Amino acid sequence: MIYSKFLSLFLLSGIYISAQHQFQINDGSDKYEVKINVETCDKEECQGKATIDLYDKKTSKLFQTLKSDDLNFYLNENQKPTVNIIQLYNEQSPLIFDDFNFDGTEDLAIRNGNESGYGGPSYDVYVFNITKKQFVLSEELTGLAHDNLGMFNTDSERKRLITYSKSGCCWHLTTEYSVLPQRGLFKVYELEEDATGGEKVKVTKREFINDKWITNVKTYPINEYYKEN
């Protein structure tokens, strides 16, 4: 009887393990190879609880394991997940490697559900902590990747993080942030495009220059403005 129960438990455990889907990513990071284990895959889409194992490329040793409650993503033509792709209304990869806080070390954003604007992809954002020598969750950067339209973009040349938000078809907001050491995010630029009037679009630019906000407002015929942009 005990053996029967143990065998049943073992078989159930085996079914659970075999239901996991594993993918390996070798070209997404300069420092790490990645193994993803995700709960379910159905044709071209995978989702559910997942573990992300990071292996040091130099030593091949497991460096750190991170988790996602819902690593939702689509497979490419090779039946593998993409990496490091951020397209505003299209593909956003399950893993994004980049230097999000501009400190010279590689950071990592992990897809976790569809909780950003309009049910878009949301991310947990981890930054590399030099003291702890591991990735730690950044609540502030994670907030950016939940409160806007998907994952933010990184402009490494200007050292800016860029977010996008919208309301319906006709109001859009682009926001840029600087990352200040020991202080966090600081908003430095906004571009508001308001075409809710129908025939014209009101464009408002706000820039933080010399410790004050400078605002510039212009109005364009809607056909001309969006033809140029």
Protein backbone atom coordinates (compact mmCIF):
# COMPACT_ATOMS: atom_id res chain seq x y z
CA MET A 1 0.00 0.00 0.00
CA ILE A 2 2.80 2.38 0.94
CA TYR A 3 4.73 1.34 -2.16
CA SER A 4 1.64 1.99 -4.31
CA LYS A 5 1.23 5.49 -2.88
CA PHE A 6 4.92 6.21 -3.38
CA LEU A 7 4.75 4.96 -6.98
CA SER A 8 1.70 7.12 -7.68
CA LEU A 9 3.43 10.16 -6.23
CA PHE A 10 6.56 9.41 -8.25
CA LEU A 11 4.57 9.10 -11.47
CA LEU A 12 2.70 12.32 -10.81
CA SER A 13 6.00 14.03 -10.10
CA GLY A 14 7.39 12.63 -13.33
CA ILE A 15 4.42 13.95 -15.28
CA TYR A 16 4.96 17.37 -13.76
CA ILE A 17 8.66 17.36 -14.64
CA SER A 18 8.03 16.22 -18.21
CA ALA A 19 5.45 18.99 -18.59
CA GLN A 20 8.18 21.57 -18.10
CA HIS A 21 9.61 23.08 -21.28
CA GLN A 22 13.29 23.98 -21.35
CA PHE A 23 15.04 26.44 -23.63
CA GLN A 24 18.66 27.50 -23.75
CA ILE A 25 19.85 30.96 -24.78
CA ASN A 26 23.56 31.43 -25.46
CA ASP A 27 23.69 34.71 -27.36
CA GLY A 28 21.60 37.08 -25.25
CA SER A 29 24.27 38.15 -22.79
CA ASP A 30 27.99 38.87 -22.82
CA LYS A 31 28.48 37.10 -19.49
CA TYR A 32 25.76 34.47 -19.10
CA GLU A 33 24.24 31.49 -20.80
CA VAL A 34 20.60 30.99 -19.84
CA LYS A 35 18.36 27.99 -19.30
CA ILE A 36 14.64 28.69 -19.09
CA ASN A 37 12.21 26.17 -17.63
CA VAL A 38 8.62 27.26 -18.21
CA GLU A 39 5.43 25.53 -17.09
CA THR A 40 3.46 25.18 -20.33
CA CYS A 41 3.85 25.65 -24.08
CA ASP A 42 1.02 25.40 -26.60
CA LYS A 43 2.11 25.61 -30.23
CA GLU A 44 3.88 28.99 -30.49
CA GLU A 45 3.13 30.41 -27.02
CA CYS A 46 4.64 29.58 -23.64
CA GLN A 47 3.48 30.82 -20.27
CA GLY A 48 3.23 30.10 -16.57
CA LYS A 49 5.65 29.76 -13.70
CA ALA A 50 9.27 29.63 -14.77
CA THR A 51 12.82 29.49 -13.52
CA ILE A 52 15.68 31.30 -15.22
CA ASP A 53 19.11 29.79 -14.55
CA LEU A 54 22.11 31.99 -15.34
CA TYR A 55 25.42 30.22 -16.01
CA ASP A 56 28.74 32.03 -16.02
CA LYS A 57 30.20 31.73 -19.53
CA LYS A 58 33.77 31.61 -18.22
CA THR A 59 33.28 28.88 -15.62
CA SER A 60 30.07 27.18 -16.87
CA LYS A 61 28.91 27.23 -13.23
CA LEU A 62 25.41 28.19 -12.12
CA PHE A 63 25.59 31.85 -11.17
CA GLN A 64 22.01 32.64 -10.04
CA THR A 65 18.45 31.40 -10.40
CA LEU A 66 15.60 33.86 -10.83
CA LYS A 67 11.87 33.20 -11.13
CA SER A 68 8.79 34.51 -12.87
CA ASP A 69 5.17 33.81 -11.96
CA ASP A 70 4.16 34.12 -15.62
CA LEU A 71 6.95 34.10 -18.21
CA ASN A 72 4.64 34.68 -21.14
CA PHE A 73 6.33 34.65 -24.57
CA TYR A 74 6.08 33.47 -28.17
CA LEU A 75 8.49 31.19 -29.99
CA ASN A 76 10.27 32.25 -33.17
CA GLU A 77 10.57 30.29 -36.41
CA ASN A 78 13.19 28.07 -34.76
CA GLN A 79 10.83 27.26 -31.89
CA LYS A 80 12.94 29.24 -29.45
CA PRO A 81 12.28 32.38 -27.41
CA THR A 82 13.74 35.64 -28.66
CA VAL A 83 15.97 37.76 -26.45
CA ASN A 84 16.62 41.53 -26.14
CA ILE A 85 13.83 42.56 -28.52
CA ILE A 86 11.62 45.50 -27.49
CA GLN A 87 9.00 46.51 -30.07
CA LEU A 88 6.32 48.89 -28.83
CA TYR A 89 3.29 47.14 -30.34
CA ASN A 90 4.87 43.86 -31.36
CA GLU A 91 7.50 41.45 -30.05
CA GLN A 92 8.91 41.93 -26.56
CA SER A 93 11.28 39.17 -25.51
CA PRO A 94 10.98 37.25 -22.22
CA LEU A 95 14.53 38.31 -21.27
CA ILE A 96 16.15 41.71 -21.80
CA PHE A 97 19.85 42.10 -20.97
CA ASP A 98 21.10 45.69 -20.82
CA ASP A 99 22.73 48.23 -18.52
CA PHE A 100 19.58 49.91 -17.20
CA ASN A 101 21.24 52.10 -14.55
CA PHE A 102 24.32 53.00 -16.62
CA ASP A 103 26.85 51.78 -14.04
CA GLY A 104 28.81 49.68 -16.54
CA THR A 105 27.37 46.30 -15.51
CA GLU A 106 24.81 44.14 -17.29
CA ASP A 107 21.31 44.07 -15.82
CA LEU A 108 18.31 41.86 -16.61
CA ALA A 109 14.57 42.32 -17.13
CA ILE A 110 12.37 39.21 -16.94
CA ARG A 111 8.87 39.06 -18.40
CA ASN A 112 6.23 38.57 -15.74
CA GLY A 113 2.69 38.54 -17.09
CA ASN A 114 0.68 41.15 -18.98
CA GLU A 115 0.15 43.87 -16.41
CA SER A 116 1.35 46.97 -18.24
CA GLY A 117 -0.87 49.41 -20.14
CA TYR A 118 -3.64 47.86 -22.26
CA GLY A 119 -2.74 44.38 -21.06
CA GLY A 120 0.75 44.60 -22.50
CA PRO A 121 3.85 42.75 -21.30
CA SER A 122 5.21 43.61 -17.86
CA TYR A 123 8.68 42.95 -16.48
CA ASP A 124 10.53 42.45 -13.25
CA VAL A 125 13.77 44.42 -13.57
CA TYR A 126 16.92 43.27 -11.80
CA VAL A 127 20.11 45.31 -11.51
CA PHE A 128 23.51 43.82 -10.76
CA ASN A 129 24.64 44.68 -7.24
CA ILE A 130 28.43 44.88 -7.22
CA THR A 131 28.63 44.45 -3.44
CA LYS A 132 26.37 41.40 -3.31
CA LYS A 133 27.68 40.12 -6.66
CA GLN A 134 24.21 39.12 -7.78
CA PHE A 135 21.09 40.49 -9.43
CA VAL A 136 18.65 42.26 -7.12
CA LEU A 137 15.12 43.43 -7.90
CA SER A 138 14.72 47.17 -8.54
CA GLU A 139 11.27 48.25 -7.42
CA GLU A 140 11.64 51.58 -9.22
CA LEU A 141 12.61 50.15 -12.60
CA THR A 142 10.04 47.37 -12.25
CA GLY A 143 7.44 50.10 -11.75
CA LEU A 144 8.41 51.68 -15.08
CA ALA A 145 7.92 48.33 -16.81
CA HIS A 146 4.46 47.86 -15.26
CA ASP A 147 2.97 51.36 -15.43
CA ASN A 148 3.55 52.10 -19.13
CA LEU A 149 3.30 50.31 -22.48
CA GLY A 150 5.54 47.33 -21.89
CA MET A 151 9.29 47.40 -21.37
CA PHE A 152 11.06 50.75 -21.46
CA ASN A 153 13.81 51.53 -23.97
CA THR A 154 17.41 52.29 -23.01
CA ASP A 155 19.37 55.07 -24.69
CA SER A 156 22.94 54.29 -23.62
CA GLU A 157 24.49 57.25 -25.46
CA ARG A 158 22.37 59.85 -23.68
CA LYS A 159 21.95 57.69 -20.57
CA ARG A 160 18.17 57.90 -20.64
CA LEU A 161 15.34 55.44 -20.03
CA ILE A 162 12.34 56.02 -22.28
CA THR A 163 8.74 55.02 -21.57
CA TYR A 164 5.58 55.23 -23.65
CA SER A 165 1.96 55.56 -22.60
CA LYS A 166 -1.33 56.31 -24.32
CA SER A 167 -5.04 56.84 -23.88
CA GLY A 168 -7.14 55.51 -26.72
CA CYS A 169 -6.05 56.22 -30.29
CA CYS A 170 -5.27 59.87 -30.02
CA TRP A 171 -3.23 60.76 -26.93
CA HIS A 172 0.36 59.63 -26.50
CA LEU A 173 3.06 60.45 -23.99
CA THR A 174 6.79 59.78 -24.29
CA THR A 175 8.79 60.27 -21.10
CA GLU A 176 12.54 60.19 -20.52
CA TYR A 177 14.34 59.59 -17.23
CA SER A 178 17.90 60.01 -16.04
CA VAL A 179 19.26 57.59 -13.46
CA LEU A 180 21.03 59.46 -10.67
CA PRO A 181 23.52 57.47 -8.55
CA GLN A 182 22.17 56.79 -5.06
CA ARG A 183 19.02 58.79 -5.88
CA GLY A 184 17.21 56.77 -8.54
CA LEU A 185 15.06 57.94 -11.43
CA PHE A 186 14.63 61.58 -12.34
CA LYS A 187 12.21 62.71 -15.06
CA VAL A 188 13.87 65.08 -17.53
CA TYR A 189 11.68 65.14 -20.65
CA GLU A 190 8.08 64.69 -21.81
CA LEU A 191 6.54 64.73 -25.26
CA GLU A 192 2.73 64.86 -25.20
CA GLU A 193 0.86 64.39 -28.46
CA ASP A 194 -2.84 65.19 -28.14
CA ALA A 195 -4.96 64.58 -31.24
CA THR A 196 -8.26 64.18 -29.43
CA GLY A 197 -9.58 67.31 -31.17
CA GLY A 198 -9.78 65.48 -34.48
CA GLU A 199 -8.29 67.85 -37.08
CA LYS A 200 -5.24 69.11 -35.20
CA VAL A 201 -2.64 67.69 -32.86
CA LYS A 202 -1.37 69.67 -29.90
CA VAL A 203 2.28 68.87 -29.22
CA THR A 204 3.67 69.79 -25.81
CA LYS A 205 7.37 69.39 -25.04
CA ARG A 206 8.61 69.71 -21.48
CA GLU A 207 12.33 69.64 -20.70
CA PHE A 208 14.13 69.98 -17.39
CA ILE A 209 16.98 72.38 -18.10
CA ASN A 210 19.13 74.22 -15.55
CA ASP A 211 16.98 73.07 -12.62
CA LYS A 212 13.67 74.19 -14.12
CA TRP A 213 11.04 72.91 -16.53
CA ILE A 214 10.83 74.56 -19.96
CA THR A 215 7.54 74.04 -21.80
CA ASN A 216 6.95 74.50 -25.52
CA VAL A 217 3.50 74.06 -27.09
CA LYS A 218 2.74 73.90 -30.83
CA THR A 219 -0.29 72.87 -32.85
CA TYR A 220 -0.15 71.14 -36.23
CA PRO A 221 -2.70 69.95 -38.79
CA ILE A 222 -3.04 66.27 -37.94
CA ASN A 223 -2.35 65.00 -41.48
CA GLU A 224 0.85 67.02 -41.80
CA TYR A 225 2.17 66.09 -38.35
CA TYR A 226 1.77 62.35 -38.66
CA LYS A 227 3.03 62.41 -42.26
CA GLU A 228 6.29 63.90 -40.97
CA ASN A 229 6.50 61.48 -38.03
